[in-house]
Amino acid sequence: MTASNADPTGTPGGTGTGTGAPGGASSGARRSDATRGAILTAARERFASDGYERATIRAIAKDAHIDPSMVMRYFGSKEGLFAAAVALDLRLPDLTAVPRDEVGRALVGHFLSLWEENEELTAVLRVGATNQAGAERMQGIFRDQLLPVARQACPDPEQIPVRAALCASQLLGLALTRYVLRLPPAVALHPQEIVAWLAPTVQRYLTAPSP
């Protein structure tokens, strides 16, 4: 199927079913968004369960109830699909608005609420723990989003990468044991207990003098 052929889902390059009717165009866009969303949902689940290497476009398409060619039309390749599936916004807080001695608690509380509510993060962590492509994607997410936040609290600009990496070791370690490996003691902890345990450590990583 070439880009010039009609596409019943309303993707770019297809004529859709609403040609000549404004309502039809918006309906086609909604179908396109729904198809894209279904592919991404299926991809996250398949990458999480099978890992990057064993997850196939055909299996993902089957899970999304579409033809494999549509996956390629939307994302171009398996690599493109994976990148889109794990394009996550951590929605990190602005630490400049937080008292300096509370930044550890604010950051741990924020991540804990994200892990509790966002299964996509858990899926990405599963892939990242077993596959190089997933690991690189996780590295990129934390590099691009955690480093700027660490910069707001760290006393020494040259130590920002190291301090951010130490924070990530605590936050990702929590996620791995609580949501992926599901170690019973970690799962049993109340969120307030987790904050009480981890916040002082993250606080030290961010703001304490260099040892």
C-alpha atoms as a PDB file:
ATOM      1  CA  MET A   1       0.000   0.000   0.000  1.00  0.00           C
ATOM      2  CA  THR A   2       1.539   3.331  -1.026  1.00  0.00           C
ATOM      3  CA  ALA A   3       1.043   6.733   0.562  1.00  0.00           C
ATOM      4  CA  SER A   4      -1.171   7.814  -2.297  1.00  0.00           C
ATOM      5  CA  ASN A   5      -3.737   5.068  -1.726  1.00  0.00           C
ATOM      6  CA  ALA A   6      -6.917   5.741   0.161  1.00  0.00           C
ATOM      7  CA  ASP A   7      -6.597   4.982   3.855  1.00  0.00           C
ATOM      8  CA  PRO A   8      -9.848   4.148   5.657  1.00  0.00           C
ATOM      9  CA  THR A   9      -8.363   5.178   9.002  1.00  0.00           C
ATOM     10  CA  GLY A  10      -7.761   8.750   7.873  1.00  0.00           C
ATOM     11  CA  THR A  11      -3.971   8.694   8.222  1.00  0.00           C
ATOM     12  CA  PRO A  12      -1.894  11.277   6.349  1.00  0.00           C
ATOM     13  CA  GLY A  13      -1.710  10.358   2.687  1.00  0.00           C
ATOM     14  CA  GLY A  14      -5.108   8.647   2.664  1.00  0.00           C
ATOM     15  CA  THR A  15      -8.330  10.220   1.533  1.00  0.00           C
ATOM     16  CA  GLY A  16     -10.376   8.963   4.505  1.00  0.00           C
ATOM     17  CA  THR A  17     -14.108   8.519   4.400  1.00  0.00           C
ATOM     18  CA  GLY A  18     -15.081  12.130   4.844  1.00  0.00           C
ATOM     19  CA  THR A  19     -13.641  13.792   1.784  1.00  0.00           C
ATOM     20  CA  GLY A  20     -15.531  16.962   1.030  1.00  0.00           C
ATOM     21  CA  ALA A  21     -17.309  17.039   4.387  1.00  0.00           C
ATOM     22  CA  PRO A  22     -15.848  18.867   7.407  1.00  0.00           C
ATOM     23  CA  GLY A  23     -17.517  16.411   9.769  1.00  0.00           C
ATOM     24  CA  GLY A  24     -16.050  13.500   7.839  1.00  0.00           C
ATOM     25  CA  ALA A  25     -12.534  14.937   8.123  1.00  0.00           C
ATOM     26  CA  SER A  26     -12.783  15.254  11.895  1.00  0.00           C
ATOM     27  CA  SER A  27     -14.229  11.745  12.098  1.00  0.00           C
ATOM     28  CA  GLY A  28     -11.291  10.412  10.105  1.00  0.00           C
ATOM     29  CA  ALA A  29      -8.858  12.189  12.437  1.00  0.00           C
ATOM     30  CA  ARG A  30     -10.540  10.622  15.437  1.00  0.00           C
ATOM     31  CA  ARG A  31     -10.260   7.175  13.864  1.00  0.00           C
ATOM     32  CA  SER A  32      -6.596   7.838  13.104  1.00  0.00           C
ATOM     33  CA  ASP A  33      -5.942   8.844  16.718  1.00  0.00           C
ATOM     34  CA  ALA A  34      -7.807   5.782  17.977  1.00  0.00           C
ATOM     35  CA  THR A  35      -5.766   3.493  15.731  1.00  0.00           C
ATOM     36  CA  ARG A  36      -2.505   5.074  16.821  1.00  0.00           C
ATOM     37  CA  GLY A  37      -3.527   4.783  20.457  1.00  0.00           C
ATOM     38  CA  ALA A  38      -4.464   1.128  20.047  1.00  0.00           C
ATOM     39  CA  ILE A  39      -1.082   0.379  18.453  1.00  0.00           C
ATOM     40  CA  LEU A  40       0.832   2.138  21.228  1.00  0.00           C
ATOM     41  CA  THR A  41      -1.142   0.371  23.953  1.00  0.00           C
ATOM     42  CA  ALA A  42      -0.557  -3.010  22.337  1.00  0.00           C
ATOM     43  CA  ALA A  43       3.127  -2.208  21.818  1.00  0.00           C
ATOM     44  CA  ARG A  44       3.719  -1.250  25.454  1.00  0.00           C
ATOM     45  CA  GLU A  45       2.061  -4.440  26.656  1.00  0.00           C
ATOM     46  CA  ARG A  46       3.914  -6.612  24.154  1.00  0.00           C
ATOM     47  CA  PHE A  47       7.301  -5.000  24.830  1.00  0.00           C
ATOM     48  CA  ALA A  48       6.721  -5.424  28.563  1.00  0.00           C
ATOM     49  CA  SER A  49       5.723  -9.084  28.309  1.00  0.00           C
ATOM     50  CA  ASP A  50       8.057 -10.285  25.532  1.00  0.00           C
ATOM     51  CA  GLY A  51      10.930  -7.821  25.686  1.00  0.00           C
ATOM     52  CA  TYR A  52      12.145  -5.751  22.759  1.00  0.00           C
ATOM     53  CA  GLU A  53      13.841  -8.537  20.821  1.00  0.00           C
ATOM     54  CA  ARG A  54      10.970 -11.033  20.872  1.00  0.00           C
ATOM     55  CA  ALA A  55       8.132  -8.554  20.397  1.00  0.00           C
ATOM     56  CA  THR A  56       7.148  -8.510  16.725  1.00  0.00           C
ATOM     57  CA  ILE A  57       5.218  -6.066  14.595  1.00  0.00           C
ATOM     58  CA  ARG A  58       2.887  -8.894  13.610  1.00  0.00           C
ATOM     59  CA  ALA A  59       2.102  -9.750  17.245  1.00  0.00           C
ATOM     60  CA  ILE A  60       1.561  -6.101  18.151  1.00  0.00           C
ATOM     61  CA  ALA A  61      -0.747  -5.633  15.164  1.00  0.00           C
ATOM     62  CA  LYS A  62      -2.712  -8.721  16.156  1.00  0.00           C
ATOM     63  CA  ASP A  63      -3.137  -7.367  19.683  1.00  0.00           C
ATOM     64  CA  ALA A  64      -4.332  -4.040  18.253  1.00  0.00           C
ATOM     65  CA  HIS A  65      -6.686  -5.819  15.797  1.00  0.00           C
ATOM     66  CA  ILE A  66      -5.172  -4.185  12.722  1.00  0.00           C
ATOM     67  CA  ASP A  67      -3.039  -5.213   9.768  1.00  0.00           C
ATOM     68  CA  PRO A  68       0.749  -5.166  10.345  1.00  0.00           C
ATOM     69  CA  SER A  69       1.149  -2.762   7.418  1.00  0.00           C
ATOM     70  CA  MET A  70      -0.711  -0.121   9.427  1.00  0.00           C
ATOM     71  CA  VAL A  71       1.852  -0.315  12.215  1.00  0.00           C
ATOM     72  CA  MET A  72       4.568   0.408   9.684  1.00  0.00           C
ATOM     73  CA  ARG A  73       2.494   3.209   8.145  1.00  0.00           C
ATOM     74  CA  TYR A  74       2.176   4.983  11.482  1.00  0.00           C
ATOM     75  CA  PHE A  75       5.646   4.378  12.947  1.00  0.00           C
ATOM     76  CA  GLY A  76       7.928   3.321  10.097  1.00  0.00           C
ATOM     77  CA  SER A  77       9.825   0.601  11.940  1.00  0.00           C
ATOM     78  CA  LYS A  78       9.982  -1.385  15.144  1.00  0.00           C
ATOM     79  CA  GLU A  79      12.531   1.101  16.477  1.00  0.00           C
ATOM     80  CA  GLY A  80      10.220   4.002  15.688  1.00  0.00           C
ATOM     81  CA  LEU A  81       7.333   2.247  17.383  1.00  0.00           C
ATOM     82  CA  PHE A  82       9.386   1.549  20.487  1.00  0.00           C
ATOM     83  CA  ALA A  83      10.553   5.160  20.708  1.00  0.00           C
ATOM     84  CA  ALA A  84       6.971   6.405  20.441  1.00  0.00           C
ATOM     85  CA  ALA A  85       5.674   3.847  22.923  1.00  0.00           C
ATOM     86  CA  VAL A  86       8.076   4.954  25.640  1.00  0.00           C
ATOM     87  CA  ALA A  87       8.005   8.711  24.993  1.00  0.00           C
ATOM     88  CA  LEU A  88       7.044   9.405  28.590  1.00  0.00           C
ATOM     89  CA  ASP A  89       6.678  12.718  30.372  1.00  0.00           C
ATOM     90  CA  LEU A  90       7.692  12.304  34.012  1.00  0.00           C
ATOM     91  CA  ARG A  91       6.005  15.634  34.824  1.00  0.00           C
ATOM     92  CA  LEU A  92       8.705  16.402  37.363  1.00  0.00           C
ATOM     93  CA  PRO A  93       7.997  19.191  39.857  1.00  0.00           C
ATOM     94  CA  ASP A  94       9.672  22.599  39.857  1.00  0.00           C
ATOM     95  CA  LEU A  95      12.030  22.259  42.814  1.00  0.00           C
ATOM     96  CA  THR A  96      12.733  25.990  42.866  1.00  0.00           C
ATOM     97  CA  ALA A  97       9.301  26.372  44.457  1.00  0.00           C
ATOM     98  CA  VAL A  98      10.086  23.765  47.146  1.00  0.00           C
ATOM     99  CA  PRO A  99      11.980  24.538  50.386  1.00  0.00           C
ATOM    100  CA  ARG A 100      15.528  23.250  50.029  1.00  0.00           C
ATOM    101  CA  ASP A 101      15.209  20.787  52.908  1.00  0.00           C
ATOM    102  CA  GLU A 102      12.055  19.274  51.352  1.00  0.00           C
ATOM    103  CA  VAL A 103      13.272  18.528  47.823  1.00  0.00           C
ATOM    104  CA  GLY A 104      13.972  14.857  48.599  1.00  0.00           C
ATOM    105  CA  ARG A 105      10.491  14.312  49.966  1.00  0.00           C
ATOM    106  CA  ALA A 106       8.926  16.158  47.029  1.00  0.00           C
ATOM    107  CA  LEU A 107      10.816  14.120  44.447  1.00  0.00           C
ATOM    108  CA  VAL A 108      10.200  10.725  46.065  1.00  0.00           C
ATOM    109  CA  GLY A 109       6.523  11.512  46.580  1.00  0.00           C
ATOM    110  CA  HIS A 110       6.170  12.572  42.967  1.00  0.00           C
ATOM    111  CA  PHE A 111       7.832   9.438  41.581  1.00  0.00           C
ATOM    112  CA  LEU A 112       5.864   7.199  43.889  1.00  0.00           C
ATOM    113  CA  SER A 113       2.582   8.658  42.664  1.00  0.00           C
ATOM    114  CA  LEU A 114       3.754   8.208  39.054  1.00  0.00           C
ATOM    115  CA  TRP A 115       4.678   4.555  39.545  1.00  0.00           C
ATOM    116  CA  GLU A 116       1.408   3.852  41.334  1.00  0.00           C
ATOM    117  CA  GLU A 117      -0.727   5.401  38.595  1.00  0.00           C
ATOM    118  CA  ASN A 118       1.201   4.831  35.360  1.00  0.00           C
ATOM    119  CA  GLU A 119       1.617   1.263  34.097  1.00  0.00           C
ATOM    120  CA  GLU A 120       3.543   2.575  31.094  1.00  0.00           C
ATOM    121  CA  LEU A 121       6.479   3.391  33.353  1.00  0.00           C
ATOM    122  CA  THR A 122       6.485  -0.135  34.718  1.00  0.00           C
ATOM    123  CA  ALA A 123       6.346  -1.561  31.196  1.00  0.00           C
ATOM    124  CA  VAL A 124       9.290   0.590  30.111  1.00  0.00           C
ATOM    125  CA  LEU A 125      11.259  -0.452  33.182  1.00  0.00           C
ATOM    126  CA  ARG A 126      10.713  -4.135  32.378  1.00  0.00           C
ATOM    127  CA  VAL A 127      12.057  -3.605  28.876  1.00  0.00           C
ATOM    128  CA  GLY A 128      14.906  -1.420  30.088  1.00  0.00           C
ATOM    129  CA  ALA A 129      16.045  -4.052  32.552  1.00  0.00           C
ATOM    130  CA  THR A 130      16.391  -6.738  29.873  1.00  0.00           C
ATOM    131  CA  ASN A 131      17.194  -4.989  26.591  1.00  0.00           C
ATOM    132  CA  GLN A 132      19.792  -2.508  25.396  1.00  0.00           C
ATOM    133  CA  ALA A 133      17.306  -0.466  23.381  1.00  0.00           C
ATOM    134  CA  GLY A 134      15.065  -0.191  26.419  1.00  0.00           C
ATOM    135  CA  ALA A 135      17.985   0.735  28.652  1.00  0.00           C
ATOM    136  CA  GLU A 136      19.049   3.477  26.257  1.00  0.00           C
ATOM    137  CA  ARG A 137      15.506   4.802  26.162  1.00  0.00           C
ATOM    138  CA  MET A 138      15.322   4.918  29.957  1.00  0.00           C
ATOM    139  CA  GLN A 139      18.702   6.637  30.058  1.00  0.00           C
ATOM    140  CA  GLY A 140      17.422   9.270  27.667  1.00  0.00           C
ATOM    141  CA  ILE A 141      14.253   9.887  29.647  1.00  0.00           C
ATOM    142  CA  PHE A 142      16.142  10.384  32.891  1.00  0.00           C
ATOM    143  CA  ARG A 143      18.937  12.385  31.263  1.00  0.00           C
ATOM    144  CA  ASP A 144      16.547  14.803  29.593  1.00  0.00           C
ATOM    145  CA  GLN A 145      14.078  15.122  32.464  1.00  0.00           C
ATOM    146  CA  LEU A 146      15.870  14.368  35.739  1.00  0.00           C
ATOM    147  CA  LEU A 147      19.069  16.324  35.102  1.00  0.00           C
ATOM    148  CA  PRO A 148      17.301  19.707  34.803  1.00  0.00           C
ATOM    149  CA  VAL A 149      15.487  19.025  38.075  1.00  0.00           C
ATOM    150  CA  ALA A 150      18.682  17.994  39.851  1.00  0.00           C
ATOM    151  CA  ARG A 151      20.292  21.184  38.591  1.00  0.00           C
ATOM    152  CA  GLN A 152      17.755  23.174  40.617  1.00  0.00           C
ATOM    153  CA  ALA A 153      18.921  21.659  43.911  1.00  0.00           C
ATOM    154  CA  CYS A 154      22.549  20.585  43.529  1.00  0.00           C
ATOM    155  CA  PRO A 155      25.142  22.864  45.166  1.00  0.00           C
ATOM    156  CA  ASP A 156      27.926  22.009  42.698  1.00  0.00           C
ATOM    157  CA  PRO A 157      27.122  22.180  38.962  1.00  0.00           C
ATOM    158  CA  GLU A 158      29.935  19.755  38.120  1.00  0.00           C
ATOM    159  CA  GLN A 159      28.340  17.075  40.313  1.00  0.00           C
ATOM    160  CA  ILE A 160      24.856  17.287  38.801  1.00  0.00           C
ATOM    161  CA  PRO A 161      25.174  14.169  36.577  1.00  0.00           C
ATOM    162  CA  VAL A 162      26.514  12.033  39.433  1.00  0.00           C
ATOM    163  CA  ARG A 163      23.911  13.243  41.913  1.00  0.00           C
ATOM    164  CA  ALA A 164      21.103  12.735  39.418  1.00  0.00           C
ATOM    165  CA  ALA A 165      22.366   9.199  38.730  1.00  0.00           C
ATOM    166  CA  LEU A 166      22.388   8.423  42.454  1.00  0.00           C
ATOM    167  CA  CYS A 167      18.813   9.694  42.750  1.00  0.00           C
ATOM    168  CA  ALA A 168      17.823   7.520  39.798  1.00  0.00           C
ATOM    169  CA  SER A 169      19.411   4.504  41.482  1.00  0.00           C
ATOM    170  CA  GLN A 170      17.045   4.926  44.423  1.00  0.00           C
ATOM    171  CA  LEU A 171      13.930   5.725  42.396  1.00  0.00           C
ATOM    172  CA  LEU A 172      14.454   2.987  39.815  1.00  0.00           C
ATOM    173  CA  GLY A 173      15.466   0.528  42.507  1.00  0.00           C
ATOM    174  CA  LEU A 174      12.172   1.186  44.273  1.00  0.00           C
ATOM    175  CA  ALA A 175      10.230   0.714  41.048  1.00  0.00           C
ATOM    176  CA  LEU A 176      12.072  -2.501  40.170  1.00  0.00           C
ATOM    177  CA  THR A 177      11.501  -4.138  43.550  1.00  0.00           C
ATOM    178  CA  ARG A 178       7.949  -2.897  44.119  1.00  0.00           C
ATOM    179  CA  TYR A 179       6.365  -3.007  40.649  1.00  0.00           C
ATOM    180  CA  VAL A 180       8.422  -5.402  38.505  1.00  0.00           C
ATOM    181  CA  LEU A 181       9.926  -8.029  40.819  1.00  0.00           C
ATOM    182  CA  ARG A 182       7.153  -7.387  43.352  1.00  0.00           C
ATOM    183  CA  LEU A 183       9.206  -8.363  46.374  1.00  0.00           C
ATOM    184  CA  PRO A 184       6.605  -8.871  49.135  1.00  0.00           C
ATOM    185  CA  PRO A 185       8.211  -6.545  51.726  1.00  0.00           C
ATOM    186  CA  ALA A 186       8.532  -3.773  49.122  1.00  0.00           C
ATOM    187  CA  VAL A 187       4.954  -4.263  47.909  1.00  0.00           C
ATOM    188  CA  ALA A 188       3.661  -4.245  51.492  1.00  0.00           C
ATOM    189  CA  LEU A 189       5.160  -0.851  52.331  1.00  0.00           C
ATOM    190  CA  HIS A 190       2.660   1.988  52.665  1.00  0.00           C
ATOM    191  CA  PRO A 191       3.483   4.947  50.394  1.00  0.00           C
ATOM    192  CA  GLN A 192       4.100   7.170  53.411  1.00  0.00           C
ATOM    193  CA  GLU A 193       6.611   4.641  54.716  1.00  0.00           C
ATOM    194  CA  ILE A 194       8.420   4.636  51.395  1.00  0.00           C
ATOM    195  CA  VAL A 195       8.670   8.414  51.407  1.00  0.00           C
ATOM    196  CA  ALA A 196       9.937   8.345  55.006  1.00  0.00           C
ATOM    197  CA  TRP A 197      12.659   5.813  54.123  1.00  0.00           C
ATOM    198  CA  LEU A 198      13.793   7.149  50.744  1.00  0.00           C
ATOM    199  CA  ALA A 199      13.360  10.917  51.040  1.00  0.00           C
ATOM    200  CA  PRO A 200      16.357  11.482  53.369  1.00  0.00           C
ATOM    201  CA  THR A 201      18.614   9.507  51.016  1.00  0.00           C
ATOM    202  CA  VAL A 202      17.491  11.395  47.919  1.00  0.00           C
ATOM    203  CA  GLN A 203      17.762  14.655  49.871  1.00  0.00           C
ATOM    204  CA  ARG A 204      21.369  13.814  50.747  1.00  0.00           C
ATOM    205  CA  TYR A 205      22.201  12.934  47.153  1.00  0.00           C
ATOM    206  CA  LEU A 206      20.839  16.253  45.936  1.00  0.00           C
ATOM    207  CA  THR A 207      21.961  18.759  48.543  1.00  0.00           C
ATOM    208  CA  ALA A 208      24.609  17.344  50.928  1.00  0.00           C
ATOM    209  CA  PRO A 209      28.231  18.453  50.615  1.00  0.00           C
ATOM    210  CA  SER A 210      30.396  16.183  48.498  1.00  0.00           C
ATOM    211  CA  PRO A 211      31.897  13.378  50.646  1.00  0.00           C
END
